[in-house]
Protein backbone atom coordinates (compact mmCIF):
# COMPACT_ATOMS: atom_id res chain seq x y z
CA MET A 1 -21.74 -22.55 21.16
CA ILE A 2 -18.02 -22.29 21.99
CA ASN A 3 -16.99 -24.67 19.17
CA ASN A 4 -18.96 -22.65 16.62
CA LEU A 5 -17.43 -19.44 17.97
CA PHE A 6 -13.87 -20.62 17.46
CA LYS A 7 -14.66 -21.75 13.90
CA HIS A 8 -15.61 -18.19 12.96
CA THR A 9 -13.07 -16.53 10.64
CA LEU A 10 -13.12 -13.28 12.60
CA VAL A 11 -12.30 -15.08 15.85
CA LYS A 12 -9.48 -17.04 14.21
CA ASN A 13 -7.95 -13.79 12.99
CA LEU A 14 -8.54 -12.23 16.37
CA ILE A 15 -6.74 -15.04 18.21
CA ALA A 16 -3.81 -14.90 15.81
CA LEU A 17 -3.50 -11.13 16.17
CA ALA A 18 -3.94 -11.32 19.95
CA LEU A 19 -1.16 -13.89 20.33
CA VAL A 20 1.21 -11.75 18.28
CA GLN A 21 0.23 -8.61 20.16
CA VAL A 22 0.61 -10.24 23.58
CA ALA A 23 4.13 -11.17 22.57
CA ASN A 24 4.45 -7.65 21.26
CA TYR A 25 3.63 -6.35 24.74
CA LEU A 26 5.89 -8.78 26.57
CA VAL A 27 8.92 -7.51 24.63
CA PRO A 28 8.74 -3.92 25.90
CA LEU A 29 7.85 -5.28 29.35
CA LEU A 30 11.58 -6.01 29.51
CA ALA A 31 12.18 -2.25 29.32
CA TRP A 32 10.50 -1.48 32.63
CA PRO A 33 12.99 -3.44 34.78
CA LEU A 34 15.83 -1.70 32.93
CA LEU A 35 14.30 1.71 33.61
CA ALA A 36 13.20 1.02 37.18
CA LYS A 37 16.49 -0.52 38.31
CA GLY A 38 18.64 1.85 36.28
CA LEU A 39 16.94 5.10 37.29
CA GLY A 40 15.73 4.32 40.80
CA LEU A 41 12.28 4.96 42.28
CA GLU A 42 12.31 8.79 42.22
CA GLN A 43 13.63 9.22 38.66
CA PHE A 44 11.42 6.36 37.44
CA GLY A 45 8.45 8.23 38.92
CA SER A 46 9.48 11.41 37.07
CA LEU A 47 9.73 9.42 33.84
CA MET A 48 6.23 7.99 34.43
CA VAL A 49 4.91 11.55 34.76
CA LEU A 50 6.59 12.50 31.45
CA PHE A 51 5.15 9.43 29.74
CA SER A 52 1.72 10.43 31.07
CA ILE A 53 2.21 13.84 29.44
CA CYS A 54 3.02 12.06 26.16
CA THR A 55 -0.10 9.93 26.53
CA LEU A 56 -2.32 12.95 27.11
CA ALA A 57 -0.67 14.74 24.17
CA TYR A 58 -1.36 11.66 22.02
CA ILE A 59 -5.03 11.82 23.00
CA LEU A 60 -5.13 15.44 21.84
CA THR A 61 -3.30 14.84 18.54
CA ASP A 62 -5.42 11.77 17.88
CA PHE A 63 -8.59 13.82 18.55
CA GLY A 64 -10.71 10.68 18.42
CA PHE A 65 -9.56 9.82 14.90
CA ASN A 66 -8.75 6.23 15.88
CA LEU A 67 -12.51 5.81 16.24
CA SER A 68 -14.12 8.36 13.94
CA ALA A 69 -11.65 7.99 11.07
CA THR A 70 -11.80 4.20 11.31
CA HIS A 71 -15.57 4.45 10.88
CA ASN A 72 -15.20 6.67 7.79
CA VAL A 73 -12.43 4.62 6.16
CA VAL A 74 -14.53 1.46 6.57
CA GLN A 75 -17.40 3.10 4.69
CA TYR A 76 -15.39 4.73 1.86
CA ARG A 77 -12.28 2.57 1.51
CA GLU A 78 -13.13 1.66 -2.09
CA ASP A 79 -13.19 5.35 -3.06
CA ARG A 80 -9.45 5.97 -3.24
CA ASN A 81 -9.77 9.62 -4.26
CA TYR A 82 -11.86 10.30 -1.17
CA ILE A 83 -9.43 8.40 1.06
CA LYS A 84 -6.47 10.25 -0.49
CA GLN A 85 -7.78 13.63 0.59
CA TYR A 86 -9.21 12.25 3.85
CA ILE A 87 -5.77 11.05 4.96
CA ALA A 88 -4.30 14.48 4.19
CA ASN A 89 -7.05 16.22 6.17
CA VAL A 90 -6.53 14.05 9.24
CA PHE A 91 -2.72 14.30 9.16
CA THR A 92 -2.86 18.09 8.86
CA LEU A 93 -5.20 18.36 11.84
CA LYS A 94 -2.98 16.04 13.88
CA LEU A 95 0.11 18.18 13.19
CA VAL A 96 -1.76 21.34 14.21
CA PHE A 97 -2.79 19.68 17.45
CA ALA A 98 0.81 18.54 17.97
CA VAL A 99 1.92 22.18 18.02
CA PHE A 100 -0.69 23.04 20.64
CA ALA A 101 0.09 19.93 22.72
CA SER A 102 3.81 20.77 22.67
CA VAL A 103 3.18 24.30 23.98
CA VAL A 104 1.00 23.03 26.83
CA ALA A 105 3.50 20.27 27.69
CA VAL A 106 6.43 22.72 27.80
CA ILE A 107 4.52 25.09 30.09
CA TYR A 108 3.57 22.26 32.46
CA ILE A 109 7.11 20.85 32.61
CA ILE A 110 8.73 24.25 33.22
CA PHE A 111 6.39 25.23 36.06
CA ASN A 112 5.90 21.82 37.70
CA LEU A 113 8.83 19.50 36.99
CA LEU A 114 11.95 21.62 36.39
CA THR A 115 13.12 22.04 39.97
CA PRO A 116 16.69 22.46 41.31
CA THR A 117 16.63 18.85 42.59
CA SER A 118 15.02 17.39 39.45
CA ALA A 119 16.90 15.20 36.98
CA LEU A 120 15.10 16.95 34.11
CA ASN A 121 16.58 19.72 31.95
CA THR A 122 16.09 21.52 28.62
CA MET A 123 16.88 18.38 26.61
CA SER A 124 14.04 16.60 28.40
CA ILE A 125 11.67 19.19 26.93
CA VAL A 126 13.20 18.77 23.45
CA TRP A 127 12.65 15.01 23.50
CA ILE A 128 9.07 15.38 24.76
CA ILE A 129 8.27 17.72 21.84
CA ALA A 130 9.92 15.30 19.40
CA ILE A 131 7.88 12.39 20.80
CA ILE A 132 4.63 14.36 20.48
CA PHE A 133 5.26 15.11 16.79
CA ALA A 134 6.40 11.55 16.01
CA GLN A 135 3.24 10.13 17.60
CA SER A 136 1.04 12.59 15.71
CA LEU A 137 1.90 10.75 12.47
CA HIS A 138 0.57 7.43 13.74
CA CYS A 139 -2.43 6.28 11.70
CA ILE A 140 -3.84 3.14 13.32
CA TRP A 141 -7.26 4.36 12.19
CA PHE A 142 -6.35 3.89 8.51
CA PHE A 143 -5.23 0.26 8.83
CA GLN A 144 -8.18 -0.60 11.08
CA GLY A 145 -10.47 0.90 8.44
CA ILE A 146 -9.08 -1.19 5.60
CA GLU A 147 -8.90 -4.16 8.03
CA LYS A 148 -5.16 -4.70 7.57
CA MET A 149 -4.18 -4.85 11.25
CA LYS A 150 -1.02 -6.78 10.40
CA TYR A 151 0.72 -3.48 9.62
CA ILE A 152 -0.09 -2.19 13.11
CA THR A 153 1.45 -5.35 14.56
CA ILE A 154 4.56 -5.17 12.38
CA ALA A 155 5.20 -1.49 13.10
CA ASN A 156 4.80 -1.84 16.84
CA MET A 157 6.81 -5.05 17.03
CA VAL A 158 9.77 -3.53 15.17
CA ALA A 159 9.61 -0.33 17.21
CA LYS A 160 9.27 -1.99 20.59
CA VAL A 161 12.00 -4.55 20.00
CA GLY A 162 14.21 -1.70 18.84
CA TYR A 163 13.30 0.36 21.91
CA VAL A 164 14.26 -2.40 24.33
CA ALA A 165 17.45 -3.19 22.40
CA MET A 166 18.53 0.48 22.45
CA LEU A 167 17.82 0.78 26.17
CA ALA A 168 19.67 -2.43 27.01
CA LEU A 169 22.72 -1.34 25.00
CA LEU A 170 22.90 2.35 25.91
CA PHE A 171 22.08 1.85 29.61
CA LEU A 172 25.26 -0.21 29.87
CA PHE A 173 27.22 3.02 29.42
CA TYR A 174 24.94 5.75 30.75
CA LYS A 175 21.61 5.84 32.59
CA SER A 176 19.37 8.91 32.48
CA ILE A 177 15.80 10.04 31.87
CA ASN A 178 16.88 11.88 28.72
CA LEU A 179 18.40 8.73 27.27
CA ALA A 180 15.16 6.85 27.95
CA LEU A 181 13.20 9.63 26.23
CA PHE A 182 15.56 9.59 23.24
CA CYS A 183 15.10 5.83 22.79
CA PHE A 184 11.33 6.21 23.03
CA PHE A 185 11.37 8.98 20.42
CA ILE A 186 13.30 6.79 17.97
CA SER A 187 10.81 3.95 18.49
CA GLN A 188 7.82 6.24 17.81
CA LEU A 189 9.51 7.69 14.73
CA ILE A 190 10.04 4.18 13.38
CA VAL A 191 6.32 3.43 13.81
CA SER A 192 5.40 6.59 11.87
CA ILE A 193 7.79 5.79 9.01
CA ILE A 194 6.49 2.22 8.68
CA TYR A 195 2.88 3.42 8.66
CA LEU A 196 3.56 5.99 5.94
CA VAL A 197 5.37 3.43 3.77
CA CYS A 198 2.56 0.88 4.21
CA ILE A 199 -0.11 3.40 3.15
CA TYR A 200 1.53 3.56 -0.27
CA LYS A 201 2.15 -0.18 -0.26
CA GLU A 202 -1.62 -0.68 -0.13
CA ASN A 203 -1.92 1.57 -3.21
CA TYR A 204 -3.35 4.51 -1.30
CA GLN A 205 -1.87 8.00 -1.39
CA ILE A 206 -1.72 11.16 0.73
CA GLY A 207 -3.31 14.08 -1.09
CA ILE A 208 -3.68 17.80 -0.42
CA PRO A 209 -5.71 18.87 2.62
CA ASN A 210 -9.02 20.64 2.16
CA LEU A 211 -10.21 23.23 4.71
CA LYS A 212 -13.88 22.30 4.34
CA GLY A 213 -13.09 18.61 4.77
CA MET A 214 -10.91 19.34 7.81
CA TRP A 215 -13.70 21.33 9.44
CA GLN A 216 -16.22 18.56 8.79
CA GLU A 217 -13.84 16.00 10.27
CA LEU A 218 -13.30 18.18 13.35
CA LYS A 219 -17.04 18.37 13.97
CA TYR A 220 -17.54 14.65 13.40
CA SER A 221 -14.60 13.63 15.62
CA PHE A 222 -15.29 16.06 18.45
CA SER A 223 -17.50 13.72 20.47
CA PHE A 224 -14.97 10.90 20.02
CA PHE A 225 -12.26 13.26 21.27
CA LEU A 226 -14.33 14.19 24.31
CA SER A 227 -14.77 10.49 25.06
CA ARG A 228 -11.02 9.83 24.82
CA LEU A 229 -10.36 12.91 26.96
CA ALA A 230 -12.92 11.66 29.46
CA VAL A 231 -11.21 8.27 29.63
CA SER A 232 -7.87 9.99 30.25
CA VAL A 233 -9.40 11.62 33.35
CA TYR A 234 -9.49 8.22 35.06
CA THR A 235 -6.44 6.67 33.35
CA ALA A 236 -3.38 8.64 32.24
CA ALA A 237 -4.18 11.72 34.35
CA ASN A 238 -3.99 9.70 37.57
CA VAL A 239 -0.18 9.59 37.46
CA LEU A 240 -0.03 13.37 37.02
CA ILE A 241 -2.43 13.85 39.94
CA LEU A 242 -0.45 11.55 42.23
CA GLY A 243 2.83 13.11 41.15
CA SER A 244 1.46 16.54 42.11
CA PHE A 245 -0.06 15.52 45.47
CA GLN A 246 2.11 12.59 46.59
CA GLY A 247 5.45 13.13 44.84
CA SER A 248 7.42 11.22 42.20
CA GLY A 249 8.04 8.28 44.53
CA VAL A 250 4.36 7.41 44.81
CA ALA A 251 3.92 8.15 41.11
CA GLY A 252 6.71 5.62 40.45
CA LEU A 253 5.03 2.91 42.54
CA TYR A 254 1.64 3.56 40.96
CA GLY A 255 3.15 3.78 37.47
CA SER A 256 4.99 0.47 37.81
CA ALA A 257 1.79 -1.37 38.76
CA GLU A 258 -0.08 0.43 35.99
CA LYS A 259 2.41 -0.84 33.40
CA LEU A 260 1.58 -4.45 34.27
CA TYR A 261 -2.13 -3.60 34.17
CA GLY A 262 -1.46 -2.28 30.67
CA ALA A 263 -0.85 -5.83 29.46
CA GLY A 264 -4.50 -6.69 30.03
CA THR A 265 -5.88 -3.46 28.63
CA ASN A 266 -3.65 -3.96 25.59
CA VAL A 267 -5.35 -7.30 24.90
CA SER A 268 -8.85 -5.85 25.33
CA GLY A 269 -7.86 -3.03 22.99
CA ILE A 270 -6.81 -5.59 20.38
CA VAL A 271 -10.17 -7.34 20.63
CA SER A 272 -11.99 -4.01 20.31
CA GLN A 273 -9.86 -2.93 17.31
CA VAL A 274 -10.71 -6.12 15.44
CA LEU A 275 -14.40 -6.15 16.38
CA PHE A 276 -15.10 -2.47 15.69
CA PRO A 277 -14.88 -2.46 11.86
CA TYR A 278 -16.42 -5.94 11.63
CA LEU A 279 -19.47 -5.13 13.77
CA THR A 280 -19.84 -1.78 12.00
CA ARG A 281 -20.34 -3.72 8.76
CA THR A 282 -22.32 -6.73 10.03
CA GLY A 283 -24.11 -5.71 13.25
CA ASN A 284 -23.50 -9.25 14.52
CA LEU A 285 -24.29 -8.79 18.23
CA LYS A 286 -24.65 -12.53 18.78
CA LEU A 287 -20.96 -13.00 18.04
CA LEU A 288 -20.08 -10.25 20.53
CA LEU A 289 -22.19 -11.92 23.21
CA LYS A 290 -20.58 -15.32 22.56
CA LEU A 291 -17.12 -13.78 22.77
CA VAL A 292 -17.88 -12.03 26.08
CA LEU A 293 -19.35 -15.17 27.64
CA THR A 294 -16.37 -17.22 26.46
CA LEU A 295 -13.83 -14.82 27.97
CA ILE A 296 -15.41 -14.12 31.38
CA ILE A 297 -14.03 -17.16 33.23
CA PRO A 298 -10.50 -17.07 31.73
CA VAL A 299 -10.13 -13.34 32.48
CA VAL A 300 -11.37 -13.53 36.09
CA VAL A 301 -9.44 -16.70 36.95
CA GLY A 302 -6.33 -15.39 35.23
CA CYS A 303 -6.41 -12.12 37.20
CA TYR A 304 -6.94 -14.02 40.46
CA MET A 305 -3.97 -16.32 39.78
CA VAL A 306 -1.69 -13.39 38.90
CA GLY A 307 -2.80 -11.60 42.08
CA ILE A 308 -1.54 -14.49 44.24
CA PHE A 309 2.01 -13.78 43.08
CA ALA A 310 1.70 -9.97 42.99
CA ASP A 311 4.44 -9.30 45.60
CA ASP A 312 7.00 -11.54 43.99
CA LEU A 313 6.09 -10.31 40.50
CA MET A 314 6.69 -6.66 41.35
CA VAL A 315 10.06 -7.42 42.97
CA LEU A 316 11.12 -9.70 40.12
CA ILE A 317 10.31 -7.17 37.41
CA PHE A 318 11.03 -3.81 39.04
CA GLY A 319 13.25 -4.56 42.04
CA GLU A 320 12.91 -4.56 45.83
CA ASP A 321 12.16 -0.81 45.97
CA PHE A 322 8.85 -1.50 44.21
CA ARG A 323 7.51 -4.21 46.58
CA LEU A 324 4.96 -1.77 48.03
CA ALA A 325 3.45 -1.39 44.55
CA SER A 326 2.01 -4.93 44.81
CA GLU A 327 -0.95 -3.56 46.80
CA TYR A 328 -1.76 -1.25 43.89
CA PHE A 329 -1.24 -4.04 41.36
CA LYS A 330 -3.84 -6.23 43.09
CA LEU A 331 -6.38 -3.42 42.80
CA PHE A 332 -5.41 -2.95 39.15
CA LEU A 333 -6.25 -6.62 38.57
CA VAL A 334 -9.76 -6.03 39.94
CA LEU A 335 -10.00 -3.01 37.67
CA LEU A 336 -8.85 -5.12 34.71
CA CYS A 337 -11.73 -7.58 35.13
CA ILE A 338 -14.13 -4.65 34.75
CA SER A 339 -12.40 -2.52 32.11
CA PHE A 340 -11.59 -5.54 29.90
CA PHE A 341 -15.26 -6.14 29.11
CA SER A 342 -16.14 -2.46 29.13
CA VAL A 343 -13.73 -1.90 26.23
CA ILE A 344 -14.96 -4.93 24.28
CA ILE A 345 -18.64 -4.06 24.67
CA GLY A 346 -18.22 -0.28 24.19
CA TYR A 347 -17.57 0.90 20.64
CA PRO A 348 -17.99 -2.51 18.93
CA GLY A 349 -21.36 -3.07 20.63
CA PHE A 350 -22.75 0.39 19.96
CA SER A 351 -21.45 0.37 16.38
CA ALA A 352 -23.39 -2.87 15.81
CA VAL A 353 -26.66 -1.14 16.80
CA LYS A 354 -25.74 2.00 14.79
CA LYS A 355 -25.39 4.19 17.88
CA VAL A 356 -21.62 4.44 18.12
CA HIS A 357 -21.75 7.90 19.74
CA PHE A 358 -23.52 6.39 22.75
CA ALA A 359 -20.21 4.81 23.75
CA ASN A 360 -18.80 8.34 23.99
CA TYR A 361 -21.57 9.39 26.35
CA THR A 362 -20.85 6.51 28.73
CA VAL A 363 -17.21 7.52 29.26
CA MET A 364 -18.15 11.20 29.53
CA PHE A 365 -20.51 10.29 32.34
CA GLY A 366 -17.74 8.15 33.83
CA ALA A 367 -15.40 11.15 33.78
CA VAL A 368 -17.97 13.21 35.68
CA VAL A 369 -18.26 10.44 38.28
CA HIS A 370 -14.47 10.19 38.59
CA LEU A 371 -13.88 13.94 38.83
CA THR A 372 -16.60 14.22 41.46
CA GLY A 373 -14.94 11.43 43.44
CA LEU A 374 -11.49 13.01 43.14
CA PHE A 375 -12.91 16.36 44.26
CA MET A 376 -14.39 14.70 47.35
CA LEU A 377 -11.03 13.07 48.07
CA TYR A 378 -9.34 16.45 47.69
CA LEU A 379 -11.77 18.13 50.11
CA ASN A 380 -11.02 15.40 52.66
CA ASN A 381 -7.26 15.54 52.04
CA ALA A 382 -7.43 11.87 51.01
CA ILE A 383 -5.80 11.77 47.56
CA THR A 384 -3.66 8.64 47.82
CA ALA A 385 -2.77 5.99 45.25
CA LYS A 386 -5.11 3.45 46.88
CA ASN A 387 -8.06 5.84 47.05
CA VAL A 388 -7.55 6.97 43.45
CA LEU A 389 -7.55 3.33 42.36
CA LEU A 390 -10.72 2.53 44.33
CA MET A 391 -12.35 5.55 42.70
CA ASN A 392 -11.19 4.22 39.33
CA ILE A 393 -12.82 0.85 40.01
CA CYS A 394 -16.11 2.57 40.86
CA THR A 395 -15.92 4.68 37.70
CA GLU A 396 -15.20 1.73 35.38
CA SER A 397 -18.04 -0.24 37.00
CA VAL A 398 -20.47 2.57 36.21
CA VAL A 399 -19.24 2.75 32.61
CA LEU A 400 -19.56 -1.04 32.15
CA LEU A 401 -23.13 -1.07 33.49
CA LEU A 402 -24.11 1.84 31.23
CA ARG A 403 -22.64 0.12 28.18
CA CYS A 404 -24.28 -3.25 28.85
CA GLY A 405 -27.64 -1.63 29.55
CA GLY A 406 -27.32 0.76 26.60
CA VAL A 407 -26.50 -1.88 23.99
CA PHE A 408 -29.27 -4.16 25.29
CA TYR A 409 -31.83 -1.33 25.30
CA VAL A 410 -31.02 -0.01 21.81
CA SER A 411 -30.88 -3.54 20.36
CA ASN A 412 -34.35 -4.38 21.71
CA LYS A 413 -35.72 -1.04 20.53
CA ASN A 414 -34.37 -1.64 17.02
CA MET A 415 -35.96 -5.11 16.94
CA GLN A 416 -39.35 -3.65 17.96
CA VAL A 417 -39.14 -1.03 15.17
CA GLN A 418 -38.41 -3.75 12.62
């Protein structure tokens, strides 16, 4: 079974893309030691809160398009006139959402982060707004839809190498949160420019937006947006919650461990990105099952082995001030074993059985579970990094069980109908 799996063209492409993308993640991993050691624990924590704001803003400006638009582009990619206007509709909506996200971000920063003792100032707000607009022009959904993921890899590799290079050079002369934000903005702008150039390279164009088409896309993408927003409740929002209740120091410790956890989620995201358009077209659930069974042992054993060296790893990468974060990192590794397969089974699995919206419902239910748990922690004055992580593990476990059961149930029901 395993030999046949690795002979499959999709899996060969997946392995090649995964290897490149893992390297793509390891490059910016060099940035975190620069930031952690250069800024110190408190300022690093403040920066993690700002990056969480950018992540939440990205979820809003994306509005689920990375899933819904991918699905549409896959179906109509041969109709270039349709795609021309479709791209314009999505970009226009994303820019409108960028305006709204910027307003909300500015209000939050002014009333929660701009304190007399804070290292943030007006320029911090300017760079956050610039980052939000630069990210709004990202169009991963288009290249996933035409199954040309190499452009995603190229854009991110160039941007991330450039980001680390700028940080390493400029931090030699001056170290500040604003400088880190400026470098991040340039990297995101580079990604946007490369994407726009590559759209035309593939002989597609950006047309004129249509109000009716924009409204239809909003309605179609809304459930995908709710699912992404739900996921953010138990991912990106955790840093904001800890920053508010525990301070920037705890947010810095949690954020540092979360960045290492991001390596694993990045890989599962790659697998999902490749599988989603393929399974939408073919409905090949057997391949998905083979892939999951093949990866279970390597993922679990790999997380266990990394956990053995968690203390030394945190100190090596982030510095002695971050040793306490190793406890959080070990819990993140447990979370990774669960979320890795939840992501792979989610949208690819449900798209194969023609019920892609069911994946949205699973994360919405997960968000309800997580919010309920956080509310109980709040009532008991027990919102700590460890408790939030344990709640996250429970939430992801529920989502994984719902997705496995849902795909199995719908698949069997479809077979009975046939």
